[in-house]
Amino acid sequence: MKTLFHSFILGGGILIFLSSCATVPTEPPAPGEVRLLKVRFTEIGAIKMNLQYEVHLNFESAGEIEVKRACFFWSGNGPHCFPIKDIWYGIPGTIVTIVTTPEKGLHSCETYVLYVRDGRTLRSNMISTPVEITK
């Protein structure tokens, strides 16, 4: 019985490892492609409702990019799109934007950017983070 239990646990661990590896892109982005990695509010402390905050979006790309807007969903409500304030290149790069927060509560903040590649406006991958908005 113990052997069956250990086999089950080991098999589950292997399955989790393989599925987590499958979600990470293995190839570098194509020239002009934007791949978002992380969203971070720069505010330290409470984030209040209906105010503007600077948000940093870490990204990777091959070469310089032209980003038009950053779009946000607050627990499915959106998109709410904002202009780009700045782009810092590096490893990873950072896209800076200013967002207006929604009503108070715990929100799933999902974001993507609209960028230009080969003359066409494309949408990046979507990333998310939980954000608690206070009064």
Protein backbone atom coordinates (compact mmCIF):
# COMPACT_ATOMS: atom_id res chain seq x y z
CA MET A 1 0.00 0.00 0.00
CA LYS A 2 2.86 2.38 0.86
CA THR A 3 4.50 1.69 -2.50
CA LEU A 4 1.31 2.54 -4.36
CA PHE A 5 0.95 5.77 -2.39
CA HIS A 6 4.57 6.79 -3.05
CA SER A 7 4.19 5.99 -6.75
CA PHE A 8 1.06 8.15 -6.88
CA ILE A 9 2.82 11.09 -5.16
CA LEU A 10 5.91 10.76 -7.40
CA GLY A 11 3.74 10.59 -10.54
CA GLY A 12 1.81 13.68 -9.45
CA GLY A 13 5.07 15.55 -8.81
CA ILE A 14 6.38 14.67 -12.26
CA LEU A 15 3.11 15.77 -13.86
CA ILE A 16 3.21 19.14 -12.07
CA PHE A 17 6.85 19.65 -13.10
CA LEU A 18 6.14 18.86 -16.75
CA SER A 19 3.03 21.06 -16.90
CA SER A 20 4.88 24.01 -15.33
CA CYS A 21 7.67 23.67 -17.87
CA ALA A 22 5.16 23.66 -20.70
CA THR A 23 3.83 27.12 -19.78
CA VAL A 24 7.22 28.85 -20.02
CA PRO A 25 8.12 29.93 -23.57
CA THR A 26 11.29 28.16 -24.62
CA GLU A 27 12.21 30.28 -27.64
CA PRO A 28 13.17 33.95 -27.57
CA PRO A 29 10.62 36.45 -28.90
CA ALA A 30 10.64 37.13 -32.63
CA PRO A 31 12.01 40.52 -33.77
CA GLY A 32 9.49 43.21 -32.83
CA GLU A 33 7.45 40.88 -30.58
CA VAL A 34 6.63 41.89 -26.99
CA ARG A 35 6.30 39.29 -24.24
CA LEU A 36 5.10 40.56 -20.85
CA LEU A 37 6.65 38.95 -17.78
CA LYS A 38 5.43 40.79 -14.68
CA VAL A 39 3.17 43.67 -13.57
CA ARG A 40 4.15 45.77 -10.54
CA PHE A 41 2.57 48.79 -8.89
CA THR A 42 5.30 51.17 -7.71
CA GLU A 43 3.24 52.46 -4.78
CA ILE A 44 4.45 51.25 -1.39
CA GLY A 45 1.55 50.65 0.96
CA ALA A 46 -2.17 50.84 0.31
CA ILE A 47 -3.47 51.41 -3.21
CA LYS A 48 -6.56 53.61 -3.01
CA MET A 49 -9.60 53.60 -5.26
CA ASN A 50 -10.12 56.07 -8.12
CA LEU A 51 -6.56 57.43 -8.01
CA GLN A 52 -3.73 57.30 -10.55
CA TYR A 53 -0.69 55.08 -9.94
CA GLU A 54 2.47 54.33 -11.88
CA VAL A 55 2.68 50.71 -13.01
CA HIS A 56 5.77 48.92 -14.35
CA LEU A 57 5.35 46.07 -16.83
CA ASN A 58 8.47 43.94 -17.24
CA PHE A 59 8.87 42.56 -20.75
CA GLU A 60 11.25 40.83 -23.09
CA SER A 61 11.71 41.54 -26.77
CA ALA A 62 14.26 41.21 -29.53
CA GLY A 63 15.26 44.78 -30.28
CA GLU A 64 13.38 48.03 -29.79
CA ILE A 65 9.60 48.02 -29.79
CA GLU A 66 6.78 50.46 -30.45
CA VAL A 67 4.12 50.14 -27.75
CA LYS A 68 0.89 52.11 -28.19
CA ARG A 69 -1.12 51.47 -25.02
CA ALA A 70 -1.33 49.29 -21.91
CA CYS A 71 -4.74 47.76 -21.23
CA PHE A 72 -6.07 46.53 -17.89
CA PHE A 73 -8.99 44.38 -16.77
CA TRP A 74 -10.06 44.71 -13.13
CA SER A 75 -11.69 41.40 -12.16
CA GLY A 76 -12.98 41.08 -15.73
CA ASN A 77 -14.13 44.71 -16.05
CA GLY A 78 -12.39 46.34 -18.99
CA PRO A 79 -10.33 46.80 -20.95
CA HIS A 80 -9.24 50.17 -19.61
CA CYS A 81 -6.35 51.33 -21.80
CA PHE A 82 -3.74 53.96 -20.91
CA PRO A 83 -0.92 55.66 -22.85
CA ILE A 84 2.69 54.63 -22.34
CA LYS A 85 4.74 57.03 -20.22
CA ASP A 86 8.17 55.51 -20.85
CA ILE A 87 10.02 52.38 -22.00
CA TRP A 88 13.30 51.28 -20.44
CA TYR A 89 15.32 48.68 -22.32
CA GLY A 90 17.27 46.07 -20.44
CA ILE A 91 16.98 42.49 -19.31
CA PRO A 92 14.12 42.60 -18.61
CA GLY A 93 12.82 45.81 -20.13
CA THR A 94 10.18 47.94 -18.41
CA ILE A 95 7.11 49.64 -19.85
CA VAL A 96 5.85 52.46 -17.62
CA THR A 97 2.23 53.61 -17.61
CA ILE A 98 -0.16 55.47 -15.30
CA VAL A 99 -3.45 53.70 -14.44
CA THR A 100 -6.59 54.81 -12.65
CA THR A 101 -7.67 52.29 -10.03
CA PRO A 102 -11.23 50.90 -9.74
CA GLU A 103 -13.55 50.69 -6.74
CA LYS A 104 -12.35 49.19 -3.47
CA GLY A 105 -11.93 45.44 -3.10
CA LEU A 106 -9.59 42.60 -4.02
CA HIS A 107 -9.18 42.56 -7.80
CA SER A 108 -7.50 40.32 -10.33
CA CYS A 109 -5.55 42.86 -12.41
CA GLU A 110 -4.93 41.44 -15.89
CA THR A 111 -2.94 43.43 -18.42
CA TYR A 112 -1.62 43.34 -21.97
CA VAL A 113 -0.06 45.91 -24.29
CA LEU A 114 -0.88 46.93 -27.82
CA TYR A 115 2.27 47.18 -29.93
CA VAL A 116 3.19 47.69 -33.58
CA ARG A 117 5.01 44.99 -35.54
CA ASP A 118 5.42 45.05 -39.33
CA GLY A 119 2.91 47.92 -39.56
CA ARG A 120 0.17 46.00 -37.71
CA THR A 121 -1.10 46.63 -34.19
CA LEU A 122 -0.88 43.42 -32.16
CA ARG A 123 -1.80 42.39 -28.64
CA SER A 124 0.83 40.92 -26.31
CA ASN A 125 0.29 38.03 -23.96
CA MET A 126 -1.80 38.75 -20.86
CA ILE A 127 -0.34 38.68 -17.35
CA SER A 128 -2.09 39.14 -14.03
CA THR A 129 -1.58 39.96 -10.37
CA PRO A 130 -3.92 40.31 -7.42
CA VAL A 131 -4.36 43.92 -6.24
CA GLU A 132 -6.21 45.08 -3.14
CA ILE A 133 -7.78 48.51 -3.52
CA THR A 134 -8.68 50.40 -0.34
CA LYS A 135 -10.99 53.35 0.25
